[in-house]
Amino acid sequence: MSIAENLHHIQSQIPENVSLVAVSKTRPVDELMQAYEAGQRVFGENKIQEMVTKWEHMPKDVQWHMIGHVQTNKVKYMAGFVALIHAVDSLKLLQEINKQAEKNQRTISCLLQIKIAKEDSKYGLNENEALDLLQHPLLNTLKNVRIVGLMGMATFTKNERQLDEEFGRLQKFYNNYKTLFNFDILSMGMSGDYPIALKHESNMIRVGSAIFGQRKYD
């Protein structure tokens, strides 16, 4: 199927309240434009320089999400336009995002990344670390960042019971604290597991290969 057909198929499967982030890392601009022309406006990149280059070439009504691990020294390059940073896992990173957002007279929305996978390669905070960060007194001084929810990446597995357990754990944590911390985004689910994430109330999924096809390179 074409990129447009893939997009429409996925959109037909997800509830209206769920945001679809098209994971466009390594994809050329012409493929992103095919998705754009099919109505997609939210794209996710995991390398800041690549995202900056695409931002320069794409229409300006696109929302750009930074979905990869963020180095503090790179924040300045995207602070003028990024709509949402998905993988925040430290106060130091939040402070840098706030500093660069203030320079650009913006408030930047962020998600805390919670580690739910059993893979060592996955980044993220455990629940106690996340609570410590959310209640840190310095957080109130950061006027140009807003933590709007949580993100988690499950283990890369076809074991549905394990995926249920991992997504369910983050769903419970989110529901326990969403009112206290004014969360409105629970980001879970990718091309291979988003139907299970949706069962656990995910309202933002990040889909790449199911839209653009398998990547030929990283």
N, C-alpha and C. Protein backbone atom coordinates (compact mmCIF):
# COMPACT_ATOMS: atom_id res chain seq x y z
N MET A 1 0.84 -1.20 0.00
CA MET A 1 0.00 0.00 0.00
C MET A 1 0.88 1.25 0.00
N SER A 2 0.30 2.35 -0.46
CA SER A 2 1.03 3.61 -0.48
C SER A 2 1.08 4.20 0.93
N ILE A 3 1.91 5.23 1.10
CA ILE A 3 1.99 5.92 2.38
C ILE A 3 0.62 6.48 2.76
N ALA A 4 -0.08 7.07 1.81
CA ALA A 4 -1.41 7.62 2.09
C ALA A 4 -2.38 6.52 2.51
N GLU A 5 -2.33 5.39 1.84
CA GLU A 5 -3.22 4.27 2.19
C GLU A 5 -2.89 3.72 3.57
N ASN A 6 -1.60 3.59 3.87
CA ASN A 6 -1.19 3.13 5.20
C ASN A 6 -1.71 4.07 6.29
N LEU A 7 -1.56 5.37 6.04
CA LEU A 7 -2.03 6.36 7.01
C LEU A 7 -3.53 6.24 7.25
N HIS A 8 -4.28 6.16 6.18
CA HIS A 8 -5.73 6.10 6.31
C HIS A 8 -6.16 4.82 7.01
N HIS A 9 -5.44 3.72 6.76
CA HIS A 9 -5.75 2.46 7.43
C HIS A 9 -5.55 2.58 8.94
N ILE A 10 -4.42 3.17 9.35
CA ILE A 10 -4.15 3.34 10.79
C ILE A 10 -5.16 4.29 11.42
N GLN A 11 -5.44 5.39 10.74
CA GLN A 11 -6.39 6.36 11.28
C GLN A 11 -7.78 5.76 11.47
N SER A 12 -8.12 4.80 10.62
CA SER A 12 -9.44 4.15 10.74
C SER A 12 -9.50 3.22 11.94
N GLN A 13 -8.33 2.87 12.49
CA GLN A 13 -8.26 1.92 13.60
C GLN A 13 -8.17 2.59 14.96
N ILE A 14 -7.87 3.87 14.99
CA ILE A 14 -7.61 4.51 16.28
C ILE A 14 -8.75 5.47 16.63
N PRO A 15 -9.06 5.60 17.93
CA PRO A 15 -10.11 6.53 18.35
C PRO A 15 -9.76 7.99 18.02
N GLU A 16 -10.77 8.83 17.96
CA GLU A 16 -10.56 10.23 17.60
C GLU A 16 -9.67 10.98 18.57
N ASN A 17 -9.66 10.54 19.84
CA ASN A 17 -8.88 11.25 20.85
C ASN A 17 -7.40 10.87 20.83
N VAL A 18 -7.01 9.97 19.96
CA VAL A 18 -5.62 9.50 19.92
C VAL A 18 -4.85 10.26 18.84
N SER A 19 -3.71 10.84 19.24
CA SER A 19 -2.83 11.54 18.30
C SER A 19 -1.89 10.54 17.65
N LEU A 20 -1.73 10.67 16.34
CA LEU A 20 -0.83 9.81 15.58
C LEU A 20 0.42 10.61 15.21
N VAL A 21 1.56 10.18 15.75
CA VAL A 21 2.85 10.77 15.41
C VAL A 21 3.49 9.90 14.34
N ALA A 22 3.71 10.46 13.17
CA ALA A 22 4.38 9.73 12.09
C ALA A 22 5.88 9.78 12.32
N VAL A 23 6.47 8.64 12.65
CA VAL A 23 7.90 8.59 12.94
C VAL A 23 8.66 8.58 11.62
N SER A 24 9.28 9.71 11.34
CA SER A 24 9.85 9.95 10.01
C SER A 24 11.37 9.95 10.00
N LYS A 25 11.99 9.47 11.06
CA LYS A 25 13.45 9.45 11.12
C LYS A 25 14.01 8.65 9.95
N THR A 26 15.06 9.16 9.36
CA THR A 26 15.78 8.62 8.20
C THR A 26 14.99 8.71 6.90
N ARG A 27 13.77 9.15 6.94
CA ARG A 27 12.95 9.20 5.73
C ARG A 27 13.19 10.49 4.96
N PRO A 28 13.24 10.44 3.65
CA PRO A 28 13.45 11.66 2.87
C PRO A 28 12.21 12.56 2.88
N VAL A 29 12.44 13.82 2.61
CA VAL A 29 11.36 14.81 2.65
C VAL A 29 10.22 14.46 1.71
N ASP A 30 10.53 13.85 0.56
CA ASP A 30 9.45 13.54 -0.38
C ASP A 30 8.47 12.53 0.21
N GLU A 31 8.96 11.61 1.04
CA GLU A 31 8.06 10.66 1.70
C GLU A 31 7.22 11.37 2.77
N LEU A 32 7.86 12.28 3.50
CA LEU A 32 7.10 13.05 4.49
C LEU A 32 6.01 13.86 3.80
N MET A 33 6.33 14.41 2.65
CA MET A 33 5.33 15.20 1.92
C MET A 33 4.17 14.35 1.43
N GLN A 34 4.43 13.09 1.12
CA GLN A 34 3.32 12.20 0.75
C GLN A 34 2.37 12.04 1.94
N ALA A 35 2.95 11.89 3.14
CA ALA A 35 2.12 11.79 4.34
C ALA A 35 1.41 13.11 4.61
N TYR A 36 2.13 14.21 4.43
CA TYR A 36 1.54 15.54 4.64
C TYR A 36 0.34 15.75 3.71
N GLU A 37 0.52 15.39 2.45
CA GLU A 37 -0.56 15.59 1.48
C GLU A 37 -1.76 14.68 1.76
N ALA A 38 -1.52 13.61 2.54
CA ALA A 38 -2.62 12.73 2.96
C ALA A 38 -3.26 13.21 4.26
N GLY A 39 -2.78 14.36 4.77
CA GLY A 39 -3.40 14.96 5.95
C GLY A 39 -2.61 14.88 7.24
N GLN A 40 -1.45 14.21 7.22
CA GLN A 40 -0.66 14.08 8.44
C GLN A 40 0.07 15.38 8.75
N ARG A 41 0.00 15.81 10.01
CA ARG A 41 0.65 17.07 10.40
C ARG A 41 1.63 16.91 11.55
N VAL A 42 1.71 15.74 12.16
CA VAL A 42 2.60 15.55 13.31
C VAL A 42 3.65 14.51 12.93
N PHE A 43 4.92 14.93 13.02
CA PHE A 43 6.03 14.06 12.65
C PHE A 43 7.01 13.96 13.81
N GLY A 44 7.60 12.78 13.98
CA GLY A 44 8.54 12.55 15.07
C GLY A 44 9.92 12.19 14.55
N GLU A 45 10.93 12.87 15.06
CA GLU A 45 12.32 12.62 14.68
C GLU A 45 13.14 12.30 15.93
N ASN A 46 14.23 11.54 15.74
CA ASN A 46 15.05 11.21 16.90
C ASN A 46 16.44 11.84 16.87
N LYS A 47 16.73 12.59 15.80
CA LYS A 47 18.01 13.32 15.74
C LYS A 47 17.70 14.78 15.43
N ILE A 48 18.23 15.66 16.27
CA ILE A 48 17.84 17.07 16.19
C ILE A 48 18.27 17.69 14.87
N GLN A 49 19.48 17.41 14.40
CA GLN A 49 19.94 18.05 13.17
C GLN A 49 19.09 17.62 11.98
N GLU A 50 18.71 16.35 11.95
CA GLU A 50 17.84 15.88 10.87
C GLU A 50 16.48 16.57 10.94
N MET A 51 15.96 16.74 12.14
CA MET A 51 14.68 17.40 12.31
C MET A 51 14.76 18.86 11.87
N VAL A 52 15.85 19.54 12.19
CA VAL A 52 16.04 20.94 11.79
C VAL A 52 16.04 21.05 10.27
N THR A 53 16.75 20.16 9.61
CA THR A 53 16.83 20.19 8.15
C THR A 53 15.44 20.00 7.53
N LYS A 54 14.68 19.05 8.07
CA LYS A 54 13.34 18.79 7.54
C LYS A 54 12.40 19.96 7.85
N TRP A 55 12.53 20.55 9.02
CA TRP A 55 11.72 21.72 9.38
C TRP A 55 11.94 22.85 8.37
N GLU A 56 13.18 23.00 7.93
CA GLU A 56 13.50 24.06 6.97
C GLU A 56 12.82 23.82 5.61
N HIS A 57 12.58 22.57 5.26
CA HIS A 57 12.05 22.23 3.94
C HIS A 57 10.55 21.93 3.93
N MET A 58 9.96 21.70 5.09
CA MET A 58 8.55 21.28 5.14
C MET A 58 7.64 22.48 5.43
N PRO A 59 6.35 22.36 5.12
CA PRO A 59 5.41 23.44 5.44
C PRO A 59 5.42 23.76 6.93
N LYS A 60 5.14 25.01 7.25
CA LYS A 60 5.30 25.47 8.63
C LYS A 60 4.12 25.15 9.54
N ASP A 61 3.09 24.47 9.02
CA ASP A 61 2.02 24.03 9.92
C ASP A 61 2.27 22.62 10.46
N VAL A 62 3.44 22.05 10.15
CA VAL A 62 3.81 20.75 10.72
C VAL A 62 4.18 20.92 12.19
N GLN A 63 3.73 19.97 13.02
CA GLN A 63 4.17 19.89 14.42
C GLN A 63 5.32 18.89 14.49
N TRP A 64 6.45 19.34 15.01
CA TRP A 64 7.62 18.47 15.12
C TRP A 64 7.78 17.97 16.55
N HIS A 65 7.86 16.66 16.70
CA HIS A 65 8.08 16.04 18.00
C HIS A 65 9.47 15.43 18.03
N MET A 66 10.23 15.75 19.08
CA MET A 66 11.54 15.13 19.29
C MET A 66 11.32 13.87 20.12
N ILE A 67 11.52 12.71 19.50
CA ILE A 67 11.17 11.45 20.18
C ILE A 67 12.39 10.69 20.68
N GLY A 68 13.58 11.13 20.32
CA GLY A 68 14.79 10.42 20.73
C GLY A 68 15.39 10.98 22.01
N HIS A 69 16.43 10.30 22.48
CA HIS A 69 17.16 10.78 23.65
C HIS A 69 17.81 12.12 23.32
N VAL A 70 17.68 13.08 24.22
CA VAL A 70 18.11 14.45 23.94
C VAL A 70 19.39 14.79 24.71
N GLN A 71 20.39 15.26 23.97
CA GLN A 71 21.60 15.80 24.60
C GLN A 71 21.37 17.28 24.89
N THR A 72 21.76 17.72 26.07
CA THR A 72 21.47 19.10 26.48
C THR A 72 22.09 20.12 25.53
N ASN A 73 23.27 19.81 24.98
CA ASN A 73 23.94 20.80 24.12
C ASN A 73 23.28 20.94 22.75
N LYS A 74 22.29 20.11 22.44
CA LYS A 74 21.60 20.19 21.15
C LYS A 74 20.23 20.87 21.26
N VAL A 75 19.77 21.12 22.47
CA VAL A 75 18.42 21.66 22.66
C VAL A 75 18.24 22.99 21.92
N LYS A 76 19.28 23.82 21.91
CA LYS A 76 19.17 25.16 21.34
C LYS A 76 18.78 25.14 19.86
N TYR A 77 19.12 24.06 19.16
CA TYR A 77 18.86 24.01 17.72
C TYR A 77 17.39 23.81 17.38
N MET A 78 16.63 23.23 18.33
CA MET A 78 15.22 22.95 18.04
C MET A 78 14.26 23.81 18.87
N ALA A 79 14.81 24.59 19.80
CA ALA A 79 13.96 25.30 20.76
C ALA A 79 13.02 26.30 20.11
N GLY A 80 13.35 26.77 18.92
CA GLY A 80 12.51 27.76 18.27
C GLY A 80 11.25 27.20 17.64
N PHE A 81 11.18 25.87 17.48
CA PHE A 81 10.03 25.34 16.75
C PHE A 81 9.46 24.02 17.28
N VAL A 82 10.21 23.26 18.06
CA VAL A 82 9.73 21.93 18.47
C VAL A 82 8.42 22.06 19.26
N ALA A 83 7.47 21.16 18.96
CA ALA A 83 6.15 21.23 19.61
C ALA A 83 6.10 20.39 20.88
N LEU A 84 6.80 19.25 20.90
CA LEU A 84 6.76 18.36 22.06
C LEU A 84 8.05 17.56 22.10
N ILE A 85 8.65 17.48 23.29
CA ILE A 85 9.84 16.66 23.51
C ILE A 85 9.41 15.45 24.34
N HIS A 86 9.59 14.26 23.78
CA HIS A 86 9.00 13.05 24.37
C HIS A 86 9.83 12.40 25.47
N ALA A 87 11.14 12.55 25.42
CA ALA A 87 11.99 11.65 26.21
C ALA A 87 12.77 12.38 27.28
N VAL A 88 12.10 13.18 28.09
CA VAL A 88 12.78 13.91 29.16
C VAL A 88 12.97 12.99 30.35
N ASP A 89 14.21 12.95 30.86
CA ASP A 89 14.49 12.02 31.95
C ASP A 89 15.38 12.60 33.03
N SER A 90 15.49 13.94 33.08
CA SER A 90 16.32 14.54 34.13
C SER A 90 15.94 16.00 34.34
N LEU A 91 16.21 16.49 35.55
CA LEU A 91 16.01 17.90 35.85
C LEU A 91 16.98 18.75 35.05
N LYS A 92 18.20 18.28 34.88
CA LYS A 92 19.20 19.02 34.10
C LYS A 92 18.70 19.29 32.68
N LEU A 93 18.09 18.30 32.06
CA LEU A 93 17.56 18.49 30.70
C LEU A 93 16.40 19.48 30.72
N LEU A 94 15.52 19.38 31.69
CA LEU A 94 14.41 20.33 31.80
C LEU A 94 14.92 21.76 31.97
N GLN A 95 15.97 21.93 32.75
CA GLN A 95 16.53 23.27 32.95
C GLN A 95 17.08 23.84 31.65
N GLU A 96 17.72 23.01 30.85
CA GLU A 96 18.25 23.48 29.57
C GLU A 96 17.12 23.79 28.59
N ILE A 97 16.09 22.96 28.56
CA ILE A 97 14.94 23.22 27.69
C ILE A 97 14.29 24.55 28.09
N ASN A 98 14.16 24.76 29.39
CA ASN A 98 13.57 26.01 29.88
C ASN A 98 14.42 27.21 29.46
N LYS A 99 15.73 27.09 29.60
CA LYS A 99 16.64 28.19 29.24
C LYS A 99 16.50 28.54 27.76
N GLN A 100 16.50 27.53 26.91
CA GLN A 100 16.42 27.79 25.47
C GLN A 100 15.02 28.23 25.05
N ALA A 101 14.00 27.71 25.70
CA ALA A 101 12.63 28.15 25.42
C ALA A 101 12.45 29.62 25.77
N GLU A 102 13.02 30.04 26.90
CA GLU A 102 12.94 31.43 27.31
C GLU A 102 13.61 32.34 26.29
N LYS A 103 14.76 31.91 25.77
CA LYS A 103 15.45 32.71 24.75
C LYS A 103 14.59 32.90 23.51
N ASN A 104 13.76 31.90 23.22
CA ASN A 104 12.90 31.96 22.04
C ASN A 104 11.49 32.45 22.37
N GLN A 105 11.30 32.90 23.62
CA GLN A 105 10.00 33.42 24.07
C GLN A 105 8.88 32.41 23.81
N ARG A 106 9.17 31.16 24.21
CA ARG A 106 8.21 30.08 24.02
C ARG A 106 8.07 29.29 25.31
N THR A 107 7.00 28.52 25.40
CA THR A 107 6.87 27.49 26.41
C THR A 107 6.85 26.15 25.68
N ILE A 108 7.75 25.25 26.05
CA ILE A 108 7.89 23.97 25.36
C ILE A 108 7.28 22.86 26.20
N SER A 109 6.41 22.08 25.58
CA SER A 109 5.77 20.95 26.26
C SER A 109 6.70 19.74 26.23
N CYS A 110 6.66 18.97 27.32
CA CYS A 110 7.54 17.81 27.46
C CYS A 110 6.77 16.64 28.07
N LEU A 111 7.25 15.44 27.76
CA LEU A 111 6.79 14.21 28.40
C LEU A 111 7.95 13.62 29.20
N LEU A 112 7.65 13.10 30.37
CA LEU A 112 8.66 12.35 31.11
C LEU A 112 8.69 10.93 30.58
N GLN A 113 9.88 10.42 30.30
CA GLN A 113 10.01 9.04 29.85
C GLN A 113 10.14 8.12 31.05
N ILE A 114 9.21 7.17 31.14
CA ILE A 114 9.21 6.18 32.21
C ILE A 114 9.70 4.86 31.64
N LYS A 115 10.64 4.25 32.31
CA LYS A 115 11.18 2.97 31.81
C LYS A 115 10.24 1.84 32.21
N ILE A 116 9.61 1.24 31.21
CA ILE A 116 8.72 0.10 31.48
C ILE A 116 9.26 -1.18 30.86
N ALA A 117 10.20 -1.07 29.92
CA ALA A 117 10.74 -2.25 29.25
C ALA A 117 11.77 -2.95 30.13
N LYS A 118 11.99 -4.21 29.81
CA LYS A 118 12.98 -4.98 30.53
C LYS A 118 14.33 -4.98 29.79
N GLU A 119 14.45 -4.12 28.78
CA GLU A 119 15.69 -4.03 28.01
C GLU A 119 16.58 -2.92 28.58
N ASP A 120 17.86 -3.24 28.77
CA ASP A 120 18.78 -2.26 29.31
C ASP A 120 18.99 -1.08 28.37
N SER A 121 18.75 -1.29 27.08
CA SER A 121 19.00 -0.23 26.10
C SER A 121 17.98 0.90 26.16
N LYS A 122 16.87 0.69 26.84
CA LYS A 122 15.84 1.71 26.92
C LYS A 122 16.17 2.72 28.03
N TYR A 123 15.98 3.99 27.73
CA TYR A 123 16.18 5.05 28.72
C TYR A 123 14.90 5.19 29.56
N GLY A 124 14.99 6.04 30.59
CA GLY A 124 13.79 6.39 31.32
C GLY A 124 13.96 6.35 32.83
N LEU A 125 13.00 6.99 33.48
CA LEU A 125 12.96 7.06 34.94
C LEU A 125 12.10 5.92 35.49
N ASN A 126 12.43 5.44 36.68
CA ASN A 126 11.48 4.56 37.33
C ASN A 126 10.42 5.44 38.01
N GLU A 127 9.39 4.83 38.55
CA GLU A 127 8.27 5.63 39.07
C GLU A 127 8.70 6.52 40.23
N ASN A 128 9.54 6.03 41.11
CA ASN A 128 9.98 6.85 42.25
C ASN A 128 10.81 8.04 41.78
N GLU A 129 11.68 7.80 40.80
CA GLU A 129 12.49 8.90 40.26
C GLU A 129 11.60 9.94 39.58
N ALA A 130 10.57 9.48 38.88
CA ALA A 130 9.66 10.42 38.22
C ALA A 130 8.92 11.27 39.24
N LEU A 131 8.46 10.65 40.31
CA LEU A 131 7.76 11.41 41.36
C LEU A 131 8.69 12.40 42.03
N ASP A 132 9.93 12.00 42.28
CA ASP A 132 10.90 12.93 42.86
C ASP A 132 11.10 14.14 41.96
N LEU A 133 11.19 13.90 40.66
CA LEU A 133 11.38 15.00 39.72
C LEU A 133 10.15 15.90 39.66
N LEU A 134 8.98 15.29 39.60
CA LEU A 134 7.74 16.06 39.49
C LEU A 134 7.49 16.92 40.73
N GLN A 135 8.07 16.51 41.87
CA GLN A 135 7.87 17.25 43.12
C GLN A 135 9.10 18.06 43.52
N HIS A 136 10.08 18.13 42.63
CA HIS A 136 11.31 18.86 42.95
C HIS A 136 11.00 20.35 43.04
N PRO A 137 11.47 21.03 44.10
CA PRO A 137 11.15 22.46 44.25
C PRO A 137 11.64 23.34 43.11
N LEU A 138 12.72 22.95 42.44
CA LEU A 138 13.23 23.76 41.34
C LEU A 138 12.29 23.75 40.13
N LEU A 139 11.43 22.74 40.06
CA LEU A 139 10.54 22.64 38.90
C LEU A 139 9.63 23.85 38.80
N ASN A 140 9.24 24.39 39.94
CA ASN A 140 8.36 25.56 39.94
C ASN A 140 9.03 26.82 39.39
N THR A 141 10.34 26.80 39.30
CA THR A 141 11.06 27.98 38.78
C THR A 141 11.19 27.94 37.25
N LEU A 142 10.84 26.82 36.67
CA LEU A 142 10.98 26.66 35.21
C LEU A 142 9.69 27.07 34.53
N LYS A 143 9.62 28.33 34.16
CA LYS A 143 8.37 28.91 33.65
C LYS A 143 8.15 28.67 32.16
N ASN A 144 9.16 28.17 31.47
CA ASN A 144 9.05 28.01 30.02
C ASN A 144 9.03 26.56 29.56
N VAL A 145 8.83 25.66 30.52
CA VAL A 145 8.57 24.26 30.17
C VAL A 145 7.30 23.81 30.86
N ARG A 146 6.64 22.85 30.25
CA ARG A 146 5.42 22.30 30.82
C ARG A 146 5.43 20.79 30.63
N ILE A 147 5.39 20.06 31.72
CA ILE A 147 5.32 18.60 31.64
C ILE A 147 3.85 18.23 31.46
N VAL A 148 3.52 17.70 30.30
CA VAL A 148 2.12 17.48 29.95
C VAL A 148 1.71 16.01 30.01
N GLY A 149 2.66 15.13 30.33
CA GLY A 149 2.29 13.73 30.41
C GLY A 149 3.49 12.82 30.50
N LEU A 150 3.23 11.53 30.20
CA LEU A 150 4.24 10.49 30.34
C LEU A 150 4.38 9.71 29.03
N MET A 151 5.57 9.18 28.82
CA MET A 151 5.84 8.33 27.67
C MET A 151 6.58 7.09 28.12
N GLY A 152 6.27 5.97 27.48
CA GLY A 152 6.99 4.74 27.78
C GLY A 152 7.09 3.86 26.55
N MET A 153 8.23 3.17 26.42
CA MET A 153 8.45 2.23 25.31
C MET A 153 8.54 0.82 25.87
N ALA A 154 7.69 -0.05 25.37
CA ALA A 154 7.66 -1.43 25.86
C ALA A 154 8.82 -2.23 25.29
N THR A 155 9.03 -3.39 25.87
CA THR A 155 10.04 -4.33 25.37
C THR A 155 9.70 -4.71 23.92
N PHE A 156 10.73 -4.87 23.10
CA PHE A 156 10.53 -5.31 21.71
C PHE A 156 10.27 -6.82 21.73
N THR A 157 9.00 -7.17 21.77
CA THR A 157 8.62 -8.58 21.89
C THR A 157 7.24 -8.79 21.29
N LYS A 158 6.95 -10.03 20.92
CA LYS A 158 5.60 -10.38 20.47
C LYS A 158 4.79 -11.02 21.58
N ASN A 159 5.36 -11.07 22.77
CA ASN A 159 4.68 -11.65 23.93
C ASN A 159 3.61 -10.67 24.42
N GLU A 160 2.37 -10.91 24.06
CA GLU A 160 1.30 -9.96 24.38
C GLU A 160 1.06 -9.84 25.87
N ARG A 161 1.29 -10.90 26.60
CA ARG A 161 1.11 -10.84 28.06
C ARG A 161 2.12 -9.87 28.68
N GLN A 162 3.36 -9.92 28.19
CA GLN A 162 4.38 -9.00 28.69
C GLN A 162 4.05 -7.56 28.31
N LEU A 163 3.61 -7.35 27.07
CA LEU A 163 3.23 -6.00 26.64
C LEU A 163 2.06 -5.48 27.46
N ASP A 164 1.08 -6.34 27.71
CA ASP A 164 -0.05 -5.95 28.56
C ASP A 164 0.43 -5.50 29.94
N GLU A 165 1.37 -6.25 30.50
CA GLU A 165 1.87 -5.94 31.84
C GLU A 165 2.61 -4.61 31.84
N GLU A 166 3.46 -4.38 30.83
CA GLU A 166 4.27 -3.16 30.80
C GLU A 166 3.40 -1.93 30.53
N PHE A 167 2.53 -2.01 29.54
CA PHE A 167 1.63 -0.88 29.28
C PHE A 167 0.68 -0.66 30.45
N GLY A 168 0.22 -1.74 31.04
CA GLY A 168 -0.71 -1.62 32.17
C GLY A 168 -0.08 -0.92 33.36
N ARG A 169 1.20 -1.18 33.57
CA ARG A 169 1.91 -0.54 34.69
C ARG A 169 1.99 0.98 34.48
N LEU A 170 2.30 1.40 33.27
CA LEU A 170 2.37 2.84 33.02
C LEU A 170 0.98 3.47 33.03
N GLN A 171 -0.01 2.75 32.52
CA GLN A 171 -1.39 3.24 32.57
C GLN A 171 -1.82 3.51 34.01
N LYS A 172 -1.50 2.59 34.90
CA LYS A 172 -1.87 2.76 36.31
C LYS A 172 -1.16 3.96 36.92
N PHE A 173 0.14 4.08 36.65
CA PHE A 173 0.91 5.21 37.19
C PHE A 173 0.35 6.53 36.68
N TYR A 174 0.07 6.59 35.39
CA TYR A 174 -0.50 7.80 34.79
C TYR A 174 -1.83 8.15 35.44
N ASN A 175 -2.72 7.18 35.56
CA ASN A 175 -4.05 7.46 36.12
C ASN A 175 -3.99 7.86 37.59
N ASN A 176 -3.01 7.33 38.31
CA ASN A 176 -2.86 7.69 39.73
C ASN A 176 -2.46 9.15 39.92
N TYR A 177 -1.76 9.72 38.94
CA TYR A 177 -1.18 11.05 39.14
C TYR A 177 -1.60 12.10 38.11
N LYS A 178 -2.42 11.72 37.14
CA LYS A 178 -2.73 12.68 36.07
C LYS A 178 -3.45 13.92 36.59
N THR A 179 -4.31 13.76 37.58
CA THR A 179 -5.03 14.92 38.12
C THR A 179 -4.09 15.81 38.92
N LEU A 180 -3.27 15.18 39.76
CA LEU A 180 -2.35 15.93 40.61
C LEU A 180 -1.38 16.78 39.79
N PHE A 181 -0.90 16.23 38.67
CA PHE A 181 0.13 16.92 37.89
C PHE A 181 -0.41 17.48 36.56
N ASN A 182 -1.72 17.45 36.39
CA ASN A 182 -2.36 18.03 35.18
C ASN A 182 -1.84 17.41 33.89
N PHE A 183 -1.68 16.10 33.89
CA PHE A 183 -1.28 15.41 32.68
C PHE A 183 -2.45 15.29 31.71
N ASP A 184 -2.15 15.33 30.42
CA ASP A 184 -3.20 14.99 29.44
C ASP A 184 -2.70 14.10 28.31
N ILE A 185 -1.41 13.72 28.34
CA ILE A 185 -0.89 12.84 27.30
C ILE A 185 -0.27 11.59 27.93
N LEU A 186 -0.71 10.44 27.44
CA LEU A 186 -0.09 9.16 27.76
C LEU A 186 0.37 8.56 26.44
N SER A 187 1.67 8.62 26.19
CA SER A 187 2.23 8.20 24.91
C SER A 187 2.83 6.80 25.03
N MET A 188 2.15 5.84 24.44
CA MET A 188 2.62 4.45 24.42
C MET A 188 2.18 3.84 23.09
N GLY A 189 3.02 2.96 22.56
CA GLY A 189 2.63 2.21 21.38
C GLY A 189 3.34 2.66 20.12
N MET A 190 3.88 1.67 19.40
CA MET A 190 4.56 1.92 18.13
C MET A 190 3.97 0.96 17.09
N SER A 191 4.60 0.87 15.93
CA SER A 191 4.02 0.11 14.82
C SER A 191 3.63 -1.31 15.22
N GLY A 192 4.49 -1.98 15.99
CA GLY A 192 4.24 -3.39 16.30
C GLY A 192 3.34 -3.66 17.48
N ASP A 193 3.09 -2.64 18.31
CA ASP A 193 2.33 -2.92 19.54
C ASP A 193 1.25 -1.90 19.88
N TYR A 194 0.98 -0.94 18.98
CA TYR A 194 0.03 0.11 19.35
C TYR A 194 -1.39 -0.39 19.63
N PRO A 195 -1.88 -1.49 18.99
CA PRO A 195 -3.22 -1.94 19.37
C PRO A 195 -3.33 -2.32 20.85
N ILE A 196 -2.25 -2.89 21.40
CA ILE A 196 -2.26 -3.25 22.82
C ILE A 196 -2.16 -1.98 23.67
N ALA A 197 -1.34 -1.03 23.25
CA ALA A 197 -1.22 0.23 23.98
C ALA A 197 -2.56 0.96 24.03
N LEU A 198 -3.32 0.91 22.94
CA LEU A 198 -4.62 1.58 22.92
C LEU A 198 -5.57 0.97 23.94
N LYS A 199 -5.46 -0.31 24.17
CA LYS A 199 -6.30 -0.96 25.18
C LYS A 199 -5.99 -0.42 26.57
N HIS A 200 -4.79 0.11 26.73
CA HIS A 200 -4.36 0.65 28.02
C HIS A 200 -4.41 2.18 28.03
N GLU A 201 -5.31 2.74 27.24
CA GLU A 201 -5.64 4.17 27.28
C GLU A 201 -4.56 5.10 26.73
N SER A 202 -3.63 4.57 25.96
CA SER A 202 -2.69 5.47 25.28
C SER A 202 -3.47 6.44 24.40
N ASN A 203 -3.11 7.72 24.46
CA ASN A 203 -3.77 8.69 23.57
C ASN A 203 -2.77 9.38 22.63
N MET A 204 -1.58 8.77 22.52
CA MET A 204 -0.60 9.21 21.52
C MET A 204 0.25 8.01 21.13
N ILE A 205 0.22 7.66 19.83
CA ILE A 205 1.03 6.54 19.35
C ILE A 205 2.04 7.05 18.35
N ARG A 206 3.17 6.36 18.28
CA ARG A 206 4.28 6.78 17.42
C ARG A 206 4.50 5.66 16.40
N VAL A 207 4.17 5.94 15.15
CA VAL A 207 4.15 4.88 14.14
C VAL A 207 5.05 5.26 12.97
N GLY A 208 6.02 4.40 12.66
CA GLY A 208 6.92 4.66 11.55
C GLY A 208 6.77 3.66 10.43
N SER A 209 7.23 2.42 10.66
CA SER A 209 7.28 1.43 9.58
C SER A 209 5.89 1.08 9.06
N ALA A 210 4.86 1.13 9.90
CA ALA A 210 3.50 0.82 9.43
C ALA A 210 2.97 1.90 8.48
N ILE A 211 3.61 3.07 8.49
CA ILE A 211 3.25 4.14 7.56
C ILE A 211 4.17 4.16 6.35
N PHE A 212 5.49 4.18 6.63
CA PHE A 212 6.47 4.39 5.58
C PHE A 212 7.10 3.10 5.04
N GLY A 213 6.81 1.96 5.67
CA GLY A 213 7.49 0.72 5.31
C GLY A 213 8.75 0.54 6.13
N GLN A 214 9.34 -0.64 6.05
CA GLN A 214 10.54 -0.92 6.82
C GLN A 214 11.69 -0.04 6.35
N ARG A 215 12.45 0.49 7.34
CA ARG A 215 13.63 1.29 6.99
C ARG A 215 14.72 0.39 6.42
N LYS A 216 15.43 0.90 5.43
CA LYS A 216 16.53 0.15 4.83
C LYS A 216 17.85 0.45 5.54
N TYR A 217 17.83 1.47 6.41
CA TYR A 217 19.04 1.84 7.12
C TYR A 217 18.62 2.60 8.38
N ASP A 218 19.53 2.76 9.34
CA ASP A 218 19.23 3.47 10.60
C ASP A 218 19.67 4.91 10.52
